Structures are given as structure tokens and as C-alpha cells.
Amino acid sequence: WAVKILPGEYYVTRYEEAVSTVLGSCVSACVRDPERGVGGMNHFMLPEDASLGPNDWLDPAVGLATRYGSYAMESLINDLLKLGAARERLEIKLFGGGKILSAMTDVGGRNIRFIHDYMALEGYRVAAEDLGGTSPRKVIYFPTSGRARLRKLRPVENRII
């Protein structure tokens, strides 16, 4: 079985279990420390709180909702550090950011720009990514091994919605 996370949630573990989510324009980061055997996944909906500046994830007093990328990343990484992970050993895989509905603004593109900017600013390296496109994705992540399974789902058509 797998722990299922929904938009705005994250999960960390040191046990042999799977974490899964389904993504459209949202982005998930799958993060682990291979030496400590701890890892987890988040699922954020928006790059940042529009009322905040672009680098406000540096201020812990703002953006405290995990539906925003800045806080979702900090929450996930900080909880892994509490379990003994080290920043310099983190392996990070990124998924999602699709343009699912053509009539909508490109939230997925904004999420992709955010996560790439965040990774560069924080000095993290991306181990693997599957970002963009028009298909929703189901991601199953195994934090202790670092293995990720990805299945592209059938694209949503605007006329159905």
C-alpha cells in the first residue's frame, strides 16, 4: 500500500513504504538522504503567496501554507533534517507542472519556474525530473530506495469540464 498525499500536503518517513500523489499543474518534490534512509514527498499547488515577494521563503514568518511551493519545500526538507538528513546529501526528484487546461493561466509553468529558481538559490541539484507537458501524472515514490514510478494519465479535454 502507499500513503496518498493530496494538494497542500507532505509526508516524510524512514520506513520502507511508498508515497503517492496525482499531479496536474501542481508540482511534487521527492526528496531523500540516501545515507540516512529517510525521505518524503510534497505536493504544492502554487509557487508562492501572491501577496509576498518572490524570495519570502527565506523568512519563516511568511507563506506558512504548504499549498505554496516555498513553504512546502522548507517543511519537507526541515522535517527530513530533523530525522537526521544532511542538506548536502539530499537527492531531489521533481514531477508535475503540466498545462492541463489550455483555457487556464499557466500555473504549471509558474510552478516549474519557481522550483527551478528555488533549487538554484538553495544550491540543490536535481537528480531527475519530469515537468511540463499536457498530461496529468501519477507518481509513486519509494523514499528509502529513491525509486520513483511515473504513469502519465490521459489528458483532460476542456469540453469535458
C-alpha atoms as a PDB file:
ATOM      1  CA  TRP A   1       0.000   0.000   0.000  1.00  0.00           C
ATOM      2  CA  ALA A   2       1.000   3.623  -0.335  1.00  0.00           C
ATOM      3  CA  VAL A   3       0.500   6.770   1.672  1.00  0.00           C
ATOM      4  CA  LYS A   4      -1.506   9.104  -0.565  1.00  0.00           C
ATOM      5  CA  ILE A   5      -0.842  12.827  -0.297  1.00  0.00           C
ATOM      6  CA  LEU A   6      -3.218  15.481  -1.563  1.00  0.00           C
ATOM      7  CA  PRO A   7      -2.554  19.065  -2.716  1.00  0.00           C
ATOM      8  CA  GLY A   8      -1.005  21.079   0.104  1.00  0.00           C
ATOM      9  CA  GLU A   9       0.260  18.015   1.962  1.00  0.00           C
ATOM     10  CA  TYR A  10       3.667  16.434   2.511  1.00  0.00           C
ATOM     11  CA  TYR A  11       4.896  13.237   4.128  1.00  0.00           C
ATOM     12  CA  VAL A  12       8.271  12.089   5.472  1.00  0.00           C
ATOM     13  CA  THR A  13       9.327   8.611   6.540  1.00  0.00           C
ATOM     14  CA  ARG A  14      12.245   6.403   7.489  1.00  0.00           C
ATOM     15  CA  TYR A  15      10.314   3.212   6.736  1.00  0.00           C
ATOM     16  CA  GLU A  16      10.006   1.032   3.620  1.00  0.00           C
ATOM     17  CA  GLU A  17       6.740   2.446   2.346  1.00  0.00           C
ATOM     18  CA  ALA A  18       5.508   4.142  -0.800  1.00  0.00           C
ATOM     19  CA  VAL A  19       4.157   7.683  -1.078  1.00  0.00           C
ATOM     20  CA  SER A  20       1.865   8.567  -3.984  1.00  0.00           C
ATOM     21  CA  THR A  21       0.047  11.507  -5.495  1.00  0.00           C
ATOM     22  CA  VAL A  22      -1.651  12.596  -8.712  1.00  0.00           C
ATOM     23  CA  LEU A  23      -0.447  15.826 -10.317  1.00  0.00           C
ATOM     24  CA  GLY A  24      -1.791  18.211 -12.909  1.00  0.00           C
ATOM     25  CA  SER A  25      -0.354  21.722 -12.756  1.00  0.00           C
ATOM     26  CA  CYS A  26       0.870  21.067  -9.200  1.00  0.00           C
ATOM     27  CA  VAL A  27       4.465  20.024  -8.513  1.00  0.00           C
ATOM     28  CA  SER A  28       5.832  17.365  -6.186  1.00  0.00           C
ATOM     29  CA  ALA A  29       9.372  17.149  -4.918  1.00  0.00           C
ATOM     30  CA  CYS A  30      10.574  13.702  -3.882  1.00  0.00           C
ATOM     31  CA  VAL A  31      13.498  14.190  -1.522  1.00  0.00           C
ATOM     32  CA  ARG A  32      15.709  11.727   0.341  1.00  0.00           C
ATOM     33  CA  ASP A  33      19.020  11.324   2.088  1.00  0.00           C
ATOM     34  CA  PRO A  34      20.370   8.012   0.753  1.00  0.00           C
ATOM     35  CA  GLU A  35      22.865   7.636   3.603  1.00  0.00           C
ATOM     36  CA  ARG A  36      20.291   8.057   6.403  1.00  0.00           C
ATOM     37  CA  GLY A  37      17.485   6.225   4.579  1.00  0.00           C
ATOM     38  CA  VAL A  38      14.920   8.967   5.158  1.00  0.00           C
ATOM     39  CA  GLY A  39      12.809  10.704   2.555  1.00  0.00           C
ATOM     40  CA  GLY A  40       9.468  12.135   1.608  1.00  0.00           C
ATOM     41  CA  MET A  41       7.270  13.899  -0.887  1.00  0.00           C
ATOM     42  CA  ASN A  42       5.330  17.156  -1.032  1.00  0.00           C
ATOM     43  CA  HIS A  43       2.552  18.370  -3.339  1.00  0.00           C
ATOM     44  CA  PHE A  44       2.251  22.116  -3.834  1.00  0.00           C
ATOM     45  CA  MET A  45      -0.360  23.970  -5.845  1.00  0.00           C
ATOM     46  CA  LEU A  46       1.068  27.444  -6.370  1.00  0.00           C
ATOM     47  CA  PRO A  47       4.595  28.841  -6.494  1.00  0.00           C
ATOM     48  CA  GLU A  48       4.080  31.368  -3.706  1.00  0.00           C
ATOM     49  CA  ASP A  49       1.542  33.512  -1.947  1.00  0.00           C
ATOM     50  CA  ALA A  50       0.877  36.362  -4.404  1.00  0.00           C
ATOM     51  CA  SER A  51       0.849  38.844  -1.527  1.00  0.00           C
ATOM     52  CA  LEU A  52       4.502  38.029  -0.762  1.00  0.00           C
ATOM     53  CA  GLY A  53       7.762  38.773  -2.516  1.00  0.00           C
ATOM     54  CA  PRO A  54       9.439  36.083  -4.650  1.00  0.00           C
ATOM     55  CA  ASN A  55      12.145  35.268  -2.072  1.00  0.00           C
ATOM     56  CA  ASP A  56       9.981  35.329   1.050  1.00  0.00           C
ATOM     57  CA  TRP A  57      10.537  31.618   1.685  1.00  0.00           C
ATOM     58  CA  LEU A  58      13.706  32.877   3.381  1.00  0.00           C
ATOM     59  CA  ASP A  59      11.531  34.460   6.091  1.00  0.00           C
ATOM     60  CA  PRO A  60       9.942  31.755   8.273  1.00  0.00           C
ATOM     61  CA  ALA A  61       7.147  34.090   9.382  1.00  0.00           C
ATOM     62  CA  VAL A  62       5.507  34.289   5.950  1.00  0.00           C
ATOM     63  CA  GLY A  63       3.919  31.892   3.460  1.00  0.00           C
ATOM     64  CA  LEU A  64       3.096  29.274   6.078  1.00  0.00           C
ATOM     65  CA  ALA A  65       0.711  27.211   3.966  1.00  0.00           C
ATOM     66  CA  THR A  66       2.101  24.080   2.335  1.00  0.00           C
ATOM     67  CA  ARG A  67      -0.055  24.673  -0.724  1.00  0.00           C
ATOM     68  CA  TYR A  68       2.664  27.188  -1.679  1.00  0.00           C
ATOM     69  CA  GLY A  69       5.949  25.891  -3.055  1.00  0.00           C
ATOM     70  CA  SER A  70       8.202  27.898  -0.775  1.00  0.00           C
ATOM     71  CA  TYR A  71       6.733  26.576   2.452  1.00  0.00           C
ATOM     72  CA  ALA A  72       6.125  23.089   1.052  1.00  0.00           C
ATOM     73  CA  MET A  73       9.818  22.755   0.209  1.00  0.00           C
ATOM     74  CA  GLU A  74      11.035  24.149   3.529  1.00  0.00           C
ATOM     75  CA  SER A  75       8.591  21.995   5.526  1.00  0.00           C
ATOM     76  CA  LEU A  76       9.613  18.795   3.756  1.00  0.00           C
ATOM     77  CA  ILE A  77      13.348  19.471   3.959  1.00  0.00           C
ATOM     78  CA  ASN A  78      13.252  20.667   7.580  1.00  0.00           C
ATOM     79  CA  ASP A  79      11.361  17.544   8.668  1.00  0.00           C
ATOM     80  CA  LEU A  80      13.951  15.383   6.890  1.00  0.00           C
ATOM     81  CA  LEU A  81      16.746  17.269   8.671  1.00  0.00           C
ATOM     82  CA  LYS A  82      15.009  16.515  11.988  1.00  0.00           C
ATOM     83  CA  LEU A  83      15.236  12.807  11.070  1.00  0.00           C
ATOM     84  CA  GLY A  84      18.999  13.138  10.567  1.00  0.00           C
ATOM     85  CA  ALA A  85      19.250  14.003   6.864  1.00  0.00           C
ATOM     86  CA  ALA A  86      22.002  16.360   5.701  1.00  0.00           C
ATOM     87  CA  ARG A  87      21.360  19.103   3.128  1.00  0.00           C
ATOM     88  CA  GLU A  88      24.484  18.237   1.141  1.00  0.00           C
ATOM     89  CA  ARG A  89      23.332  14.621   0.667  1.00  0.00           C
ATOM     90  CA  LEU A  90      19.764  15.327  -0.449  1.00  0.00           C
ATOM     91  CA  GLU A  91      18.642  13.664  -3.664  1.00  0.00           C
ATOM     92  CA  ILE A  92      15.727  15.566  -5.216  1.00  0.00           C
ATOM     93  CA  LYS A  93      13.380  14.452  -7.991  1.00  0.00           C
ATOM     94  CA  LEU A  94      10.714  16.776  -9.408  1.00  0.00           C
ATOM     95  CA  PHE A  95       7.412  15.934 -11.080  1.00  0.00           C
ATOM     96  CA  GLY A  96       4.333  17.736 -12.406  1.00  0.00           C
ATOM     97  CA  GLY A  97       3.812  21.285 -13.601  1.00  0.00           C
ATOM     98  CA  GLY A  98       1.631  20.323 -16.537  1.00  0.00           C
ATOM     99  CA  LYS A  99      -0.512  22.691 -18.561  1.00  0.00           C
ATOM    100  CA  ILE A 100      -3.631  20.637 -18.092  1.00  0.00           C
ATOM    101  CA  LEU A 101      -6.359  23.044 -19.179  1.00  0.00           C
ATOM    102  CA  SER A 102      -5.444  25.247 -22.129  1.00  0.00           C
ATOM    103  CA  ALA A 103      -8.003  27.891 -21.174  1.00  0.00           C
ATOM    104  CA  MET A 104      -6.418  28.427 -17.763  1.00  0.00           C
ATOM    105  CA  THR A 105      -3.385  30.511 -16.938  1.00  0.00           C
ATOM    106  CA  ASP A 106      -0.173  28.507 -16.998  1.00  0.00           C
ATOM    107  CA  VAL A 107       0.047  27.673 -13.295  1.00  0.00           C
ATOM    108  CA  GLY A 108       2.168  24.633 -14.146  1.00  0.00           C
ATOM    109  CA  GLY A 109       4.727  26.812 -15.934  1.00  0.00           C
ATOM    110  CA  ARG A 110       4.858  29.172 -12.961  1.00  0.00           C
ATOM    111  CA  ASN A 111       5.373  26.211 -10.627  1.00  0.00           C
ATOM    112  CA  ILE A 112       8.224  24.916 -12.804  1.00  0.00           C
ATOM    113  CA  ARG A 113       9.928  28.321 -12.848  1.00  0.00           C
ATOM    114  CA  PHE A 114       9.545  28.556  -9.083  1.00  0.00           C
ATOM    115  CA  ILE A 115      11.015  25.118  -8.344  1.00  0.00           C
ATOM    116  CA  HIS A 116      13.981  25.644 -10.678  1.00  0.00           C
ATOM    117  CA  ASP A 117      14.668  29.074  -9.120  1.00  0.00           C
ATOM    118  CA  TYR A 118      14.311  27.627  -5.609  1.00  0.00           C
ATOM    119  CA  MET A 119      16.695  24.759  -6.349  1.00  0.00           C
ATOM    120  CA  ALA A 120      19.302  27.140  -7.797  1.00  0.00           C
ATOM    121  CA  LEU A 121      19.026  29.659  -4.954  1.00  0.00           C
ATOM    122  CA  GLU A 122      19.261  26.968  -2.271  1.00  0.00           C
ATOM    123  CA  GLY A 123      22.127  25.216  -4.078  1.00  0.00           C
ATOM    124  CA  TYR A 124      20.332  21.897  -4.585  1.00  0.00           C
ATOM    125  CA  ARG A 125      20.946  19.620  -7.544  1.00  0.00           C
ATOM    126  CA  VAL A 126      18.066  17.966  -9.406  1.00  0.00           C
ATOM    127  CA  ALA A 127      18.662  14.208  -9.659  1.00  0.00           C
ATOM    128  CA  ALA A 128      15.729  13.653 -12.062  1.00  0.00           C
ATOM    129  CA  GLU A 129      12.658  15.493 -13.273  1.00  0.00           C
ATOM    130  CA  ASP A 130       9.552  15.040 -15.369  1.00  0.00           C
ATOM    131  CA  LEU A 131       7.989  18.503 -15.604  1.00  0.00           C
ATOM    132  CA  GLY A 132       5.648  20.259 -18.030  1.00  0.00           C
ATOM    133  CA  GLY A 133       3.638  18.794 -20.867  1.00  0.00           C
ATOM    134  CA  THR A 134      -0.126  18.404 -21.002  1.00  0.00           C
ATOM    135  CA  SER A 135      -0.724  15.082 -19.236  1.00  0.00           C
ATOM    136  CA  PRO A 136      -1.611  14.597 -15.594  1.00  0.00           C
ATOM    137  CA  ARG A 137       0.731  12.193 -13.785  1.00  0.00           C
ATOM    138  CA  LYS A 138       0.518   9.629 -11.034  1.00  0.00           C
ATOM    139  CA  VAL A 139       3.757   9.412  -9.049  1.00  0.00           C
ATOM    140  CA  ILE A 140       4.649   6.639  -6.621  1.00  0.00           C
ATOM    141  CA  TYR A 141       7.851   7.302  -4.673  1.00  0.00           C
ATOM    142  CA  PHE A 142       9.811   4.899  -2.509  1.00  0.00           C
ATOM    143  CA  PRO A 143      11.816   7.188  -0.188  1.00  0.00           C
ATOM    144  CA  THR A 144      14.214   4.617   1.258  1.00  0.00           C
ATOM    145  CA  SER A 145      15.392   3.412  -2.182  1.00  0.00           C
ATOM    146  CA  GLY A 146      14.808   6.655  -4.095  1.00  0.00           C
ATOM    147  CA  ARG A 147      12.921   4.819  -6.817  1.00  0.00           C
ATOM    148  CA  ALA A 148      10.054   6.725  -8.430  1.00  0.00           C
ATOM    149  CA  ARG A 149       7.368   5.262 -10.672  1.00  0.00           C
ATOM    150  CA  LEU A 150       5.579   7.621 -13.015  1.00  0.00           C
ATOM    151  CA  ARG A 151       2.465   6.993 -15.050  1.00  0.00           C
ATOM    152  CA  LYS A 152       1.136   9.595 -17.459  1.00  0.00           C
ATOM    153  CA  LEU A 153      -2.647   9.760 -17.367  1.00  0.00           C
ATOM    154  CA  ARG A 154      -4.971  10.598 -20.216  1.00  0.00           C
ATOM    155  CA  PRO A 155      -5.045  14.362 -20.871  1.00  0.00           C
ATOM    156  CA  VAL A 156      -8.144  16.233 -19.762  1.00  0.00           C
ATOM    157  CA  GLU A 157     -10.176  17.825 -22.530  1.00  0.00           C
ATOM    158  CA  ASN A 158     -11.666  21.251 -21.885  1.00  0.00           C
ATOM    159  CA  ARG A 159     -15.050  20.232 -23.299  1.00  0.00           C
ATOM    160  CA  ILE A 160     -15.400  17.574 -20.594  1.00  0.00           C
ATOM    161  CA  ILE A 161     -15.072  20.051 -17.760  1.00  0.00           C
END
